[in-house]
Amino acid sequence: MKKTLYTLILAALLSAGCRSTPADDPLSRTSDMAGWSIDVVAPGCVWYNYTGFYLPTGTNQTINVLEIDLSHDGYSLSVVHSEEADSLSAFALRTGAFAGINGSYFEPDVSFVKTDGEVRREVTVDEAHTRYWKHEGAFFLDPATGKADIAYGDNASYLASAYSTVLSGAPMLIADYEPEGETFAANPDSLDLRTLDYEDYRRHQGVRHPRVAVALTEDGRALLITVDGRWWTSSGMTARELTRMLVRHFNPRCALNLDGGGSTTMLIGNRGVHDTHVVNFPVDNKRYDHYGQRAVNNVVLVKRND
């Protein structure tokens, strides 16, 4: 009887997001988490979700953050690229991954992608082009060791990087705790952003859209982030709002924005819908469900190590 009672209590604690030791407590490095649900998917893997009215933006928001302990030997992070675009769930199924998000901007000329030591894409767009801003930073990863970084760069520095995996994006949201994303799309109040070209960085990042980002903490954890948008249940965020949300709740050392909009997708094994495990509400099918995945060329995946 005592053993059964103990088991029930332990299960209740785990389902509430609690841990048995302070060192493993997912809340030990966060603050102001009122309203967030916290799901310990597995040791070293924590899913944070916020669904509802989010006071800092004054709108409804649906936010998903998956935290992976890169030092945990049970998991590994990787970037997978294919010239034949496919859904995030299809990438995960082929590789045996149990979680992930979509990757960099889909235009081949604006993104730098290197996986398994092989360059898959280089930035070829001219510096004067409206889309040139889309590769100002990159996520660097050594899947074998879990060593990772996020830093500013360009095509030349990405080519020269010793990391076997490099995935570019923009804008840099946080660099060494500096909230760079707060001012990336700054503009005069008199300027109507919607009169600008859609790819103009001020409009692209200054208007609320679904967002995707990757972040790293000082204590060796990776954060995979999605913010839904274009629904009444979630208005999306600007780069400034996304930056402030990350600083307020997770305080990462660095963070990089990836391809959002219709590409925005997160899946977590044994969560979300049963056949794809998608937990957010992708917009590409223009229906409020979990099935609107867009075909993408690269993804950030989480795999269980055997």
C-alpha atoms as a PDB file:
ATOM      1  CA  MET A   1       0.000   0.000   0.000  1.00  0.00           C
ATOM      2  CA  LYS A   2       2.785   2.418   0.924  1.00  0.00           C
ATOM      3  CA  LYS A   3       4.639   1.569  -2.289  1.00  0.00           C
ATOM      4  CA  THR A   4       1.507   2.233  -4.371  1.00  0.00           C
ATOM      5  CA  LEU A   5       0.907   5.555  -2.622  1.00  0.00           C
ATOM      6  CA  TYR A   6       4.536   6.579  -3.160  1.00  0.00           C
ATOM      7  CA  THR A   7       4.271   5.704  -6.873  1.00  0.00           C
ATOM      8  CA  LEU A   8       1.126   7.783  -7.280  1.00  0.00           C
ATOM      9  CA  ILE A   9       2.688  10.774  -5.549  1.00  0.00           C
ATOM     10  CA  LEU A  10       5.839  10.535  -7.681  1.00  0.00           C
ATOM     11  CA  ALA A  11       3.797  10.317 -10.891  1.00  0.00           C
ATOM     12  CA  ALA A  12       1.786  13.373  -9.867  1.00  0.00           C
ATOM     13  CA  LEU A  13       4.956  15.355  -9.219  1.00  0.00           C
ATOM     14  CA  LEU A  14       6.432  14.424 -12.588  1.00  0.00           C
ATOM     15  CA  SER A  15       3.268  15.288 -14.462  1.00  0.00           C
ATOM     16  CA  ALA A  16       3.266  18.687 -12.763  1.00  0.00           C
ATOM     17  CA  GLY A  17       6.786  19.335 -13.963  1.00  0.00           C
ATOM     18  CA  CYS A  18       8.553  18.705 -10.662  1.00  0.00           C
ATOM     19  CA  ARG A  19      11.894  16.977 -10.121  1.00  0.00           C
ATOM     20  CA  SER A  20      13.317  15.138  -7.170  1.00  0.00           C
ATOM     21  CA  THR A  21      16.506  17.190  -6.886  1.00  0.00           C
ATOM     22  CA  PRO A  22      17.106  20.958  -7.143  1.00  0.00           C
ATOM     23  CA  ALA A  23      19.881  20.428  -9.711  1.00  0.00           C
ATOM     24  CA  ASP A  24      17.354  18.931 -12.132  1.00  0.00           C
ATOM     25  CA  ASP A  25      14.581  21.414 -11.407  1.00  0.00           C
ATOM     26  CA  PRO A  26      13.460  22.952 -14.747  1.00  0.00           C
ATOM     27  CA  LEU A  27      12.422  26.084 -12.864  1.00  0.00           C
ATOM     28  CA  SER A  28      15.831  26.630 -11.253  1.00  0.00           C
ATOM     29  CA  ARG A  29      17.014  29.059 -13.932  1.00  0.00           C
ATOM     30  CA  THR A  30      13.712  30.635 -14.949  1.00  0.00           C
ATOM     31  CA  SER A  31      11.503  33.295 -13.415  1.00  0.00           C
ATOM     32  CA  ASP A  32       8.032  34.749 -13.833  1.00  0.00           C
ATOM     33  CA  MET A  33       6.524  31.482 -15.128  1.00  0.00           C
ATOM     34  CA  ALA A  34       2.953  32.166 -13.989  1.00  0.00           C
ATOM     35  CA  GLY A  35       0.522  30.821 -16.559  1.00  0.00           C
ATOM     36  CA  TRP A  36       3.005  28.417 -18.142  1.00  0.00           C
ATOM     37  CA  SER A  37       2.482  24.668 -18.161  1.00  0.00           C
ATOM     38  CA  ILE A  38       5.663  22.653 -17.603  1.00  0.00           C
ATOM     39  CA  ASP A  39       5.916  19.078 -18.834  1.00  0.00           C
ATOM     40  CA  VAL A  40       8.993  16.983 -18.057  1.00  0.00           C
ATOM     41  CA  VAL A  41       8.922  14.893 -21.224  1.00  0.00           C
ATOM     42  CA  ALA A  42      11.952  12.900 -20.051  1.00  0.00           C
ATOM     43  CA  PRO A  43      15.036  13.552 -17.896  1.00  0.00           C
ATOM     44  CA  GLY A  44      16.861  16.429 -19.526  1.00  0.00           C
ATOM     45  CA  CYS A  45      13.924  17.341 -21.792  1.00  0.00           C
ATOM     46  CA  VAL A  46      11.302  19.860 -20.647  1.00  0.00           C
ATOM     47  CA  TRP A  47       8.393  21.315 -22.622  1.00  0.00           C
ATOM     48  CA  TYR A  48       7.077  24.742 -21.629  1.00  0.00           C
ATOM     49  CA  ASN A  49       3.769  25.968 -23.043  1.00  0.00           C
ATOM     50  CA  TYR A  50       1.900  29.224 -22.650  1.00  0.00           C
ATOM     51  CA  THR A  51      -1.617  29.456 -24.068  1.00  0.00           C
ATOM     52  CA  GLY A  52      -3.839  32.440 -23.331  1.00  0.00           C
ATOM     53  CA  PHE A  53      -3.778  36.175 -22.887  1.00  0.00           C
ATOM     54  CA  TYR A  54      -0.161  37.299 -22.661  1.00  0.00           C
ATOM     55  CA  LEU A  55      -0.005  40.617 -20.837  1.00  0.00           C
ATOM     56  CA  PRO A  56       3.363  41.855 -22.210  1.00  0.00           C
ATOM     57  CA  THR A  57       1.951  41.891 -25.773  1.00  0.00           C
ATOM     58  CA  GLY A  58      -1.641  42.629 -24.790  1.00  0.00           C
ATOM     59  CA  THR A  59      -2.816  39.769 -27.021  1.00  0.00           C
ATOM     60  CA  ASN A  60      -3.497  36.044 -26.964  1.00  0.00           C
ATOM     61  CA  GLN A  61      -0.393  33.938 -27.553  1.00  0.00           C
ATOM     62  CA  THR A  62       0.489  30.274 -27.956  1.00  0.00           C
ATOM     63  CA  ILE A  63       4.159  29.758 -27.106  1.00  0.00           C
ATOM     64  CA  ASN A  64       6.079  26.479 -27.064  1.00  0.00           C
ATOM     65  CA  VAL A  65       9.616  26.100 -25.737  1.00  0.00           C
ATOM     66  CA  LEU A  66      11.391  22.748 -25.689  1.00  0.00           C
ATOM     67  CA  GLU A  67      14.456  22.691 -23.439  1.00  0.00           C
ATOM     68  CA  ILE A  68      17.156  20.105 -24.117  1.00  0.00           C
ATOM     69  CA  ASP A  69      20.059  19.511 -21.741  1.00  0.00           C
ATOM     70  CA  LEU A  70      22.988  19.186 -24.169  1.00  0.00           C
ATOM     71  CA  SER A  71      25.118  17.518 -21.500  1.00  0.00           C
ATOM     72  CA  HIS A  72      22.597  14.699 -21.041  1.00  0.00           C
ATOM     73  CA  ASP A  73      23.885  11.554 -22.754  1.00  0.00           C
ATOM     74  CA  GLY A  74      20.354  10.444 -23.560  1.00  0.00           C
ATOM     75  CA  TYR A  75      19.837  13.022 -26.306  1.00  0.00           C
ATOM     76  CA  SER A  76      21.597  14.609 -29.237  1.00  0.00           C
ATOM     77  CA  LEU A  77      20.730  17.639 -31.317  1.00  0.00           C
ATOM     78  CA  SER A  78      21.237  17.732 -35.082  1.00  0.00           C
ATOM     79  CA  VAL A  79      20.402  19.716 -38.206  1.00  0.00           C
ATOM     80  CA  VAL A  80      19.157  17.716 -41.185  1.00  0.00           C
ATOM     81  CA  HIS A  81      18.972  19.150 -44.708  1.00  0.00           C
ATOM     82  CA  SER A  82      17.489  17.834 -47.949  1.00  0.00           C
ATOM     83  CA  GLU A  83      17.143  19.532 -51.321  1.00  0.00           C
ATOM     84  CA  GLU A  84      13.799  17.765 -51.596  1.00  0.00           C
ATOM     85  CA  ALA A  85      11.526  19.696 -49.245  1.00  0.00           C
ATOM     86  CA  ASP A  86       9.334  17.759 -46.828  1.00  0.00           C
ATOM     87  CA  SER A  87       7.372  18.212 -43.610  1.00  0.00           C
ATOM     88  CA  LEU A  88       9.055  18.330 -40.225  1.00  0.00           C
ATOM     89  CA  SER A  89       7.237  15.156 -39.171  1.00  0.00           C
ATOM     90  CA  ALA A  90       8.506  13.338 -42.286  1.00  0.00           C
ATOM     91  CA  PHE A  91      12.086  14.378 -41.474  1.00  0.00           C
ATOM     92  CA  ALA A  92      11.615  13.124 -37.913  1.00  0.00           C
ATOM     93  CA  LEU A  93      10.155   9.809 -39.043  1.00  0.00           C
ATOM     94  CA  ARG A  94      13.020   9.126 -41.467  1.00  0.00           C
ATOM     95  CA  THR A  95      15.721   9.903 -38.921  1.00  0.00           C
ATOM     96  CA  GLY A  96      14.123   8.464 -35.795  1.00  0.00           C
ATOM     97  CA  ALA A  97      13.940  11.863 -34.069  1.00  0.00           C
ATOM     98  CA  PHE A  98      11.338  12.411 -31.370  1.00  0.00           C
ATOM     99  CA  ALA A  99      11.233  16.222 -31.376  1.00  0.00           C
ATOM    100  CA  GLY A 100      12.197  19.195 -33.487  1.00  0.00           C
ATOM    101  CA  ILE A 101      11.429  22.486 -35.202  1.00  0.00           C
ATOM    102  CA  ASN A 102      11.765  23.762 -38.761  1.00  0.00           C
ATOM    103  CA  GLY A 103      15.046  25.422 -39.735  1.00  0.00           C
ATOM    104  CA  SER A 104      16.372  28.310 -41.804  1.00  0.00           C
ATOM    105  CA  TYR A 105      14.766  30.532 -44.441  1.00  0.00           C
ATOM    106  CA  PHE A 106      13.614  28.493 -47.427  1.00  0.00           C
ATOM    107  CA  GLU A 107      15.102  30.746 -50.122  1.00  0.00           C
ATOM    108  CA  PRO A 108      18.300  28.901 -51.135  1.00  0.00           C
ATOM    109  CA  ASP A 109      20.297  32.066 -51.829  1.00  0.00           C
ATOM    110  CA  VAL A 110      19.894  33.640 -48.374  1.00  0.00           C
ATOM    111  CA  SER A 111      20.735  30.749 -46.055  1.00  0.00           C
ATOM    112  CA  PHE A 112      23.961  29.011 -45.121  1.00  0.00           C
ATOM    113  CA  VAL A 113      23.575  25.354 -44.205  1.00  0.00           C
ATOM    114  CA  LYS A 114      26.317  22.904 -43.277  1.00  0.00           C
ATOM    115  CA  THR A 115      25.594  19.447 -41.893  1.00  0.00           C
ATOM    116  CA  ASP A 116      27.909  16.531 -41.120  1.00  0.00           C
ATOM    117  CA  GLY A 117      30.842  18.692 -42.198  1.00  0.00           C
ATOM    118  CA  GLU A 118      29.424  19.218 -45.698  1.00  0.00           C
ATOM    119  CA  VAL A 119      28.244  22.613 -46.986  1.00  0.00           C
ATOM    120  CA  ARG A 120      24.720  22.218 -48.359  1.00  0.00           C
ATOM    121  CA  ARG A 121      23.950  25.859 -49.119  1.00  0.00           C
ATOM    122  CA  GLU A 122      25.893  29.108 -49.328  1.00  0.00           C
ATOM    123  CA  VAL A 123      24.669  32.699 -49.252  1.00  0.00           C
ATOM    124  CA  THR A 124      24.776  33.989 -52.824  1.00  0.00           C
ATOM    125  CA  VAL A 125      22.334  36.900 -52.686  1.00  0.00           C
ATOM    126  CA  ASP A 126      23.907  40.293 -53.396  1.00  0.00           C
ATOM    127  CA  GLU A 127      24.590  42.606 -50.460  1.00  0.00           C
ATOM    128  CA  ALA A 128      22.273  45.224 -51.943  1.00  0.00           C
ATOM    129  CA  HIS A 129      19.344  42.791 -52.060  1.00  0.00           C
ATOM    130  CA  THR A 130      16.361  43.278 -49.749  1.00  0.00           C
ATOM    131  CA  ARG A 131      16.798  39.757 -48.351  1.00  0.00           C
ATOM    132  CA  TYR A 132      20.525  40.010 -47.588  1.00  0.00           C
ATOM    133  CA  TRP A 133      19.848  40.537 -43.867  1.00  0.00           C
ATOM    134  CA  LYS A 134      18.504  36.989 -43.465  1.00  0.00           C
ATOM    135  CA  HIS A 135      21.821  35.324 -42.569  1.00  0.00           C
ATOM    136  CA  GLU A 136      23.353  37.741 -40.047  1.00  0.00           C
ATOM    137  CA  GLY A 137      23.789  35.039 -37.408  1.00  0.00           C
ATOM    138  CA  ALA A 138      24.120  31.276 -37.188  1.00  0.00           C
ATOM    139  CA  PHE A 139      23.600  28.315 -34.896  1.00  0.00           C
ATOM    140  CA  PHE A 140      26.818  26.292 -34.605  1.00  0.00           C
ATOM    141  CA  LEU A 141      26.743  22.691 -33.399  1.00  0.00           C
ATOM    142  CA  ASP A 142      28.981  19.689 -32.899  1.00  0.00           C
ATOM    143  CA  PRO A 143      26.414  16.872 -32.583  1.00  0.00           C
ATOM    144  CA  ALA A 144      29.005  14.406 -31.264  1.00  0.00           C
ATOM    145  CA  THR A 145      29.898  16.477 -28.209  1.00  0.00           C
ATOM    146  CA  GLY A 146      26.833  18.672 -27.794  1.00  0.00           C
ATOM    147  CA  LYS A 147      29.003  21.779 -28.006  1.00  0.00           C
ATOM    148  CA  ALA A 148      27.008  24.651 -29.494  1.00  0.00           C
ATOM    149  CA  ASP A 149      27.084  28.391 -30.037  1.00  0.00           C
ATOM    150  CA  ILE A 150      25.120  31.210 -31.656  1.00  0.00           C
ATOM    151  CA  ALA A 151      27.020  34.167 -33.107  1.00  0.00           C
ATOM    152  CA  TYR A 152      27.098  36.837 -35.783  1.00  0.00           C
ATOM    153  CA  GLY A 153      28.783  35.961 -39.068  1.00  0.00           C
ATOM    154  CA  ASP A 154      28.678  35.917 -42.853  1.00  0.00           C
ATOM    155  CA  ASN A 155      29.170  33.399 -45.626  1.00  0.00           C
ATOM    156  CA  ALA A 156      32.975  33.564 -45.367  1.00  0.00           C
ATOM    157  CA  SER A 157      33.089  33.045 -41.607  1.00  0.00           C
ATOM    158  CA  TYR A 158      30.556  30.222 -41.804  1.00  0.00           C
ATOM    159  CA  LEU A 159      32.692  28.496 -44.431  1.00  0.00           C
ATOM    160  CA  ALA A 160      35.730  28.838 -42.177  1.00  0.00           C
ATOM    161  CA  SER A 161      33.966  27.529 -39.054  1.00  0.00           C
ATOM    162  CA  ALA A 162      35.374  24.375 -37.460  1.00  0.00           C
ATOM    163  CA  TYR A 163      31.869  23.315 -36.402  1.00  0.00           C
ATOM    164  CA  SER A 164      30.484  20.410 -38.429  1.00  0.00           C
ATOM    165  CA  THR A 165      26.998  21.949 -38.382  1.00  0.00           C
ATOM    166  CA  VAL A 166      26.146  25.574 -39.189  1.00  0.00           C
ATOM    167  CA  LEU A 167      22.620  26.907 -39.732  1.00  0.00           C
ATOM    168  CA  SER A 168      22.163  30.601 -40.462  1.00  0.00           C
ATOM    169  CA  GLY A 169      19.215  32.793 -39.564  1.00  0.00           C
ATOM    170  CA  ALA A 170      18.226  36.334 -38.648  1.00  0.00           C
ATOM    171  CA  PRO A 171      17.903  38.442 -36.750  1.00  0.00           C
ATOM    172  CA  MET A 172      20.159  37.780 -33.816  1.00  0.00           C
ATOM    173  CA  LEU A 173      17.779  38.153 -30.904  1.00  0.00           C
ATOM    174  CA  ILE A 174      20.246  37.904 -28.021  1.00  0.00           C
ATOM    175  CA  ALA A 175      24.052  38.029 -28.148  1.00  0.00           C
ATOM    176  CA  ASP A 176      25.950  37.528 -24.871  1.00  0.00           C
ATOM    177  CA  TYR A 177      22.802  38.580 -23.009  1.00  0.00           C
ATOM    178  CA  GLU A 178      22.404  41.758 -25.081  1.00  0.00           C
ATOM    179  CA  PRO A 179      18.801  41.949 -26.403  1.00  0.00           C
ATOM    180  CA  GLU A 180      19.727  42.767 -30.000  1.00  0.00           C
ATOM    181  CA  GLY A 181      16.283  41.882 -31.304  1.00  0.00           C
ATOM    182  CA  GLU A 182      14.701  44.782 -29.441  1.00  0.00           C
ATOM    183  CA  THR A 183      16.155  47.298 -31.886  1.00  0.00           C
ATOM    184  CA  PHE A 184      16.614  45.222 -35.064  1.00  0.00           C
ATOM    185  CA  ALA A 185      13.412  46.463 -36.686  1.00  0.00           C
ATOM    186  CA  ALA A 186      13.290  49.874 -34.993  1.00  0.00           C
ATOM    187  CA  ASN A 187      11.597  52.524 -37.130  1.00  0.00           C
ATOM    188  CA  PRO A 188       9.974  55.955 -36.762  1.00  0.00           C
ATOM    189  CA  ASP A 189       6.431  55.837 -35.434  1.00  0.00           C
ATOM    190  CA  SER A 190       5.313  57.749 -38.526  1.00  0.00           C
ATOM    191  CA  LEU A 191       6.350  54.902 -40.856  1.00  0.00           C
ATOM    192  CA  ASP A 192       3.616  52.432 -41.824  1.00  0.00           C
ATOM    193  CA  LEU A 193       5.512  49.145 -41.982  1.00  0.00           C
ATOM    194  CA  ARG A 194       2.913  47.576 -44.252  1.00  0.00           C
ATOM    195  CA  THR A 195       3.811  50.030 -47.019  1.00  0.00           C
ATOM    196  CA  LEU A 196       7.305  48.522 -47.173  1.00  0.00           C
ATOM    197  CA  ASP A 197       8.366  45.548 -49.286  1.00  0.00           C
ATOM    198  CA  TYR A 198       7.403  42.332 -47.497  1.00  0.00           C
ATOM    199  CA  GLU A 199      11.070  41.292 -47.310  1.00  0.00           C
ATOM    200  CA  ASP A 200      12.222  44.627 -45.891  1.00  0.00           C
ATOM    201  CA  TYR A 201      13.726  43.729 -42.505  1.00  0.00           C
ATOM    202  CA  ARG A 202      11.694  46.406 -40.732  1.00  0.00           C
ATOM    203  CA  ARG A 203       8.395  44.997 -41.958  1.00  0.00           C
ATOM    204  CA  HIS A 204       9.445  41.352 -41.813  1.00  0.00           C
ATOM    205  CA  GLN A 205      10.499  41.601 -38.161  1.00  0.00           C
ATOM    206  CA  GLY A 206       8.486  44.626 -37.050  1.00  0.00           C
ATOM    207  CA  VAL A 207       5.045  43.118 -37.728  1.00  0.00           C
ATOM    208  CA  ARG A 208       3.582  40.245 -35.720  1.00  0.00           C
ATOM    209  CA  HIS A 209       3.987  36.848 -37.346  1.00  0.00           C
ATOM    210  CA  PRO A 210       4.424  33.228 -36.252  1.00  0.00           C
ATOM    211  CA  ARG A 211       8.040  32.905 -35.070  1.00  0.00           C
ATOM    212  CA  VAL A 212      10.698  30.219 -34.656  1.00  0.00           C
ATOM    213  CA  ALA A 213      13.968  30.563 -32.761  1.00  0.00           C
ATOM    214  CA  VAL A 214      16.797  28.621 -31.182  1.00  0.00           C
ATOM    215  CA  ALA A 215      18.563  29.740 -27.997  1.00  0.00           C
ATOM    216  CA  LEU A 216      21.356  28.579 -25.698  1.00  0.00           C
ATOM    217  CA  THR A 217      21.683  29.057 -21.957  1.00  0.00           C
ATOM    218  CA  GLU A 218      24.806  29.515 -19.882  1.00  0.00           C
ATOM    219  CA  ASP A 219      24.339  26.128 -18.241  1.00  0.00           C
ATOM    220  CA  GLY A 220      24.400  24.141 -21.498  1.00  0.00           C
ATOM    221  CA  ARG A 221      20.776  23.884 -22.515  1.00  0.00           C
ATOM    222  CA  ALA A 222      19.283  24.436 -25.946  1.00  0.00           C
ATOM    223  CA  LEU A 223      15.856  26.008 -26.321  1.00  0.00           C
ATOM    224  CA  LEU A 224      13.734  25.318 -29.400  1.00  0.00           C
ATOM    225  CA  ILE A 225      11.009  27.957 -29.641  1.00  0.00           C
ATOM    226  CA  THR A 226       7.815  28.482 -31.617  1.00  0.00           C
ATOM    227  CA  VAL A 227       5.214  31.238 -31.302  1.00  0.00           C
ATOM    228  CA  ASP A 228       2.004  30.695 -33.234  1.00  0.00           C
ATOM    229  CA  GLY A 229       0.395  33.551 -35.134  1.00  0.00           C
ATOM    230  CA  ARG A 230      -2.378  34.583 -37.526  1.00  0.00           C
ATOM    231  CA  TRP A 231      -5.012  33.000 -35.280  1.00  0.00           C
ATOM    232  CA  TRP A 232      -7.333  34.695 -32.798  1.00  0.00           C
ATOM    233  CA  THR A 233      -5.808  32.405 -30.180  1.00  0.00           C
ATOM    234  CA  SER A 234      -2.300  33.645 -30.966  1.00  0.00           C
ATOM    235  CA  SER A 235      -1.410  36.899 -32.673  1.00  0.00           C
ATOM    236  CA  GLY A 236       2.289  36.139 -33.152  1.00  0.00           C
ATOM    237  CA  MET A 237       5.151  38.402 -32.156  1.00  0.00           C
ATOM    238  CA  THR A 238       7.555  40.953 -33.528  1.00  0.00           C
ATOM    239  CA  ALA A 239      11.295  40.416 -33.154  1.00  0.00           C
ATOM    240  CA  ARG A 240      11.219  42.852 -30.235  1.00  0.00           C
ATOM    241  CA  GLU A 241       8.416  40.980 -28.471  1.00  0.00           C
ATOM    242  CA  LEU A 242      10.054  37.600 -29.047  1.00  0.00           C
ATOM    243  CA  THR A 243      13.318  38.890 -27.611  1.00  0.00           C
ATOM    244  CA  ARG A 244      11.621  40.314 -24.543  1.00  0.00           C
ATOM    245  CA  MET A 245       9.666  37.106 -23.970  1.00  0.00           C
ATOM    246  CA  LEU A 246      12.865  35.040 -24.010  1.00  0.00           C
ATOM    247  CA  VAL A 247      14.698  37.414 -21.688  1.00  0.00           C
ATOM    248  CA  ARG A 248      11.801  37.607 -19.256  1.00  0.00           C
ATOM    249  CA  HIS A 249      11.160  33.893 -18.892  1.00  0.00           C
ATOM    250  CA  PHE A 250      14.344  32.040 -19.893  1.00  0.00           C
ATOM    251  CA  ASN A 251      17.267  34.504 -19.878  1.00  0.00           C
ATOM    252  CA  PRO A 252      19.354  32.707 -22.539  1.00  0.00           C
ATOM    253  CA  ARG A 253      22.933  33.708 -23.277  1.00  0.00           C
ATOM    254  CA  CYS A 254      22.182  33.904 -27.002  1.00  0.00           C
ATOM    255  CA  ALA A 255      19.249  33.409 -29.352  1.00  0.00           C
ATOM    256  CA  LEU A 256      18.692  33.393 -33.107  1.00  0.00           C
ATOM    257  CA  ASN A 257      15.505  33.846 -35.112  1.00  0.00           C
ATOM    258  CA  LEU A 258      14.868  31.200 -37.782  1.00  0.00           C
ATOM    259  CA  ASP A 259      12.232  30.889 -40.508  1.00  0.00           C
ATOM    260  CA  GLY A 260       8.785  31.580 -39.092  1.00  0.00           C
ATOM    261  CA  GLY A 261       5.499  32.396 -40.800  1.00  0.00           C
ATOM    262  CA  GLY A 262       3.945  29.422 -42.563  1.00  0.00           C
ATOM    263  CA  SER A 263       6.992  27.276 -41.797  1.00  0.00           C
ATOM    264  CA  THR A 264       6.504  27.504 -38.023  1.00  0.00           C
ATOM    265  CA  THR A 265       6.226  23.954 -36.662  1.00  0.00           C
ATOM    266  CA  MET A 266       7.188  22.043 -33.516  1.00  0.00           C
ATOM    267  CA  LEU A 267       6.728  18.371 -32.776  1.00  0.00           C
ATOM    268  CA  ILE A 268       7.325  16.399 -29.598  1.00  0.00           C
ATOM    269  CA  GLY A 269       7.018  12.614 -29.432  1.00  0.00           C
ATOM    270  CA  ASN A 270       3.977  11.308 -27.535  1.00  0.00           C
ATOM    271  CA  ARG A 271       2.580  14.829 -27.427  1.00  0.00           C
ATOM    272  CA  GLY A 272       0.363  16.745 -29.857  1.00  0.00           C
ATOM    273  CA  VAL A 273      -1.686  14.859 -32.441  1.00  0.00           C
ATOM    274  CA  HIS A 274      -1.091  11.117 -32.486  1.00  0.00           C
ATOM    275  CA  ASP A 275       0.109  10.701 -36.077  1.00  0.00           C
ATOM    276  CA  THR A 276       2.568  13.612 -36.427  1.00  0.00           C
ATOM    277  CA  HIS A 277       3.137  14.707 -32.796  1.00  0.00           C
ATOM    278  CA  VAL A 278       2.872  18.346 -33.889  1.00  0.00           C
ATOM    279  CA  VAL A 279       2.098  20.462 -30.819  1.00  0.00           C
ATOM    280  CA  ASN A 280       1.622  23.917 -32.336  1.00  0.00           C
ATOM    281  CA  PHE A 281      -0.861  25.220 -34.927  1.00  0.00           C
ATOM    282  CA  PRO A 282       0.914  25.632 -38.288  1.00  0.00           C
ATOM    283  CA  VAL A 283      -0.856  28.065 -40.624  1.00  0.00           C
ATOM    284  CA  ASP A 284       0.063  26.772 -44.071  1.00  0.00           C
ATOM    285  CA  ASN A 285      -3.279  24.995 -44.567  1.00  0.00           C
ATOM    286  CA  LYS A 286      -5.176  28.013 -43.217  1.00  0.00           C
ATOM    287  CA  ARG A 287      -7.087  25.793 -40.793  1.00  0.00           C
ATOM    288  CA  TYR A 288      -6.854  25.872 -37.028  1.00  0.00           C
ATOM    289  CA  ASP A 289      -5.443  22.396 -36.494  1.00  0.00           C
ATOM    290  CA  HIS A 290      -2.103  20.630 -36.197  1.00  0.00           C
ATOM    291  CA  TYR A 291      -1.889  19.521 -39.827  1.00  0.00           C
ATOM    292  CA  GLY A 292      -0.766  22.653 -41.696  1.00  0.00           C
ATOM    293  CA  GLN A 293       2.901  21.730 -41.989  1.00  0.00           C
ATOM    294  CA  ARG A 294       4.827  23.406 -44.793  1.00  0.00           C
ATOM    295  CA  ALA A 295       7.431  21.447 -46.749  1.00  0.00           C
ATOM    296  CA  VAL A 296      10.868  22.733 -45.706  1.00  0.00           C
ATOM    297  CA  ASN A 297      14.464  21.920 -46.625  1.00  0.00           C
ATOM    298  CA  ASN A 298      16.075  21.752 -43.205  1.00  0.00           C
ATOM    299  CA  VAL A 299      15.079  21.099 -39.630  1.00  0.00           C
ATOM    300  CA  VAL A 300      16.545  21.019 -36.120  1.00  0.00           C
ATOM    301  CA  LEU A 301      15.929  17.604 -34.578  1.00  0.00           C
ATOM    302  CA  VAL A 302      16.281  15.960 -31.179  1.00  0.00           C
ATOM    303  CA  LYS A 303      17.176  12.270 -31.163  1.00  0.00           C
ATOM    304  CA  ARG A 304      17.376   9.755 -28.361  1.00  0.00           C
ATOM    305  CA  ASN A 305      20.781   8.110 -28.118  1.00  0.00           C
ATOM    306  CA  ASP A 306      20.776   4.304 -28.003  1.00  0.00           C
END
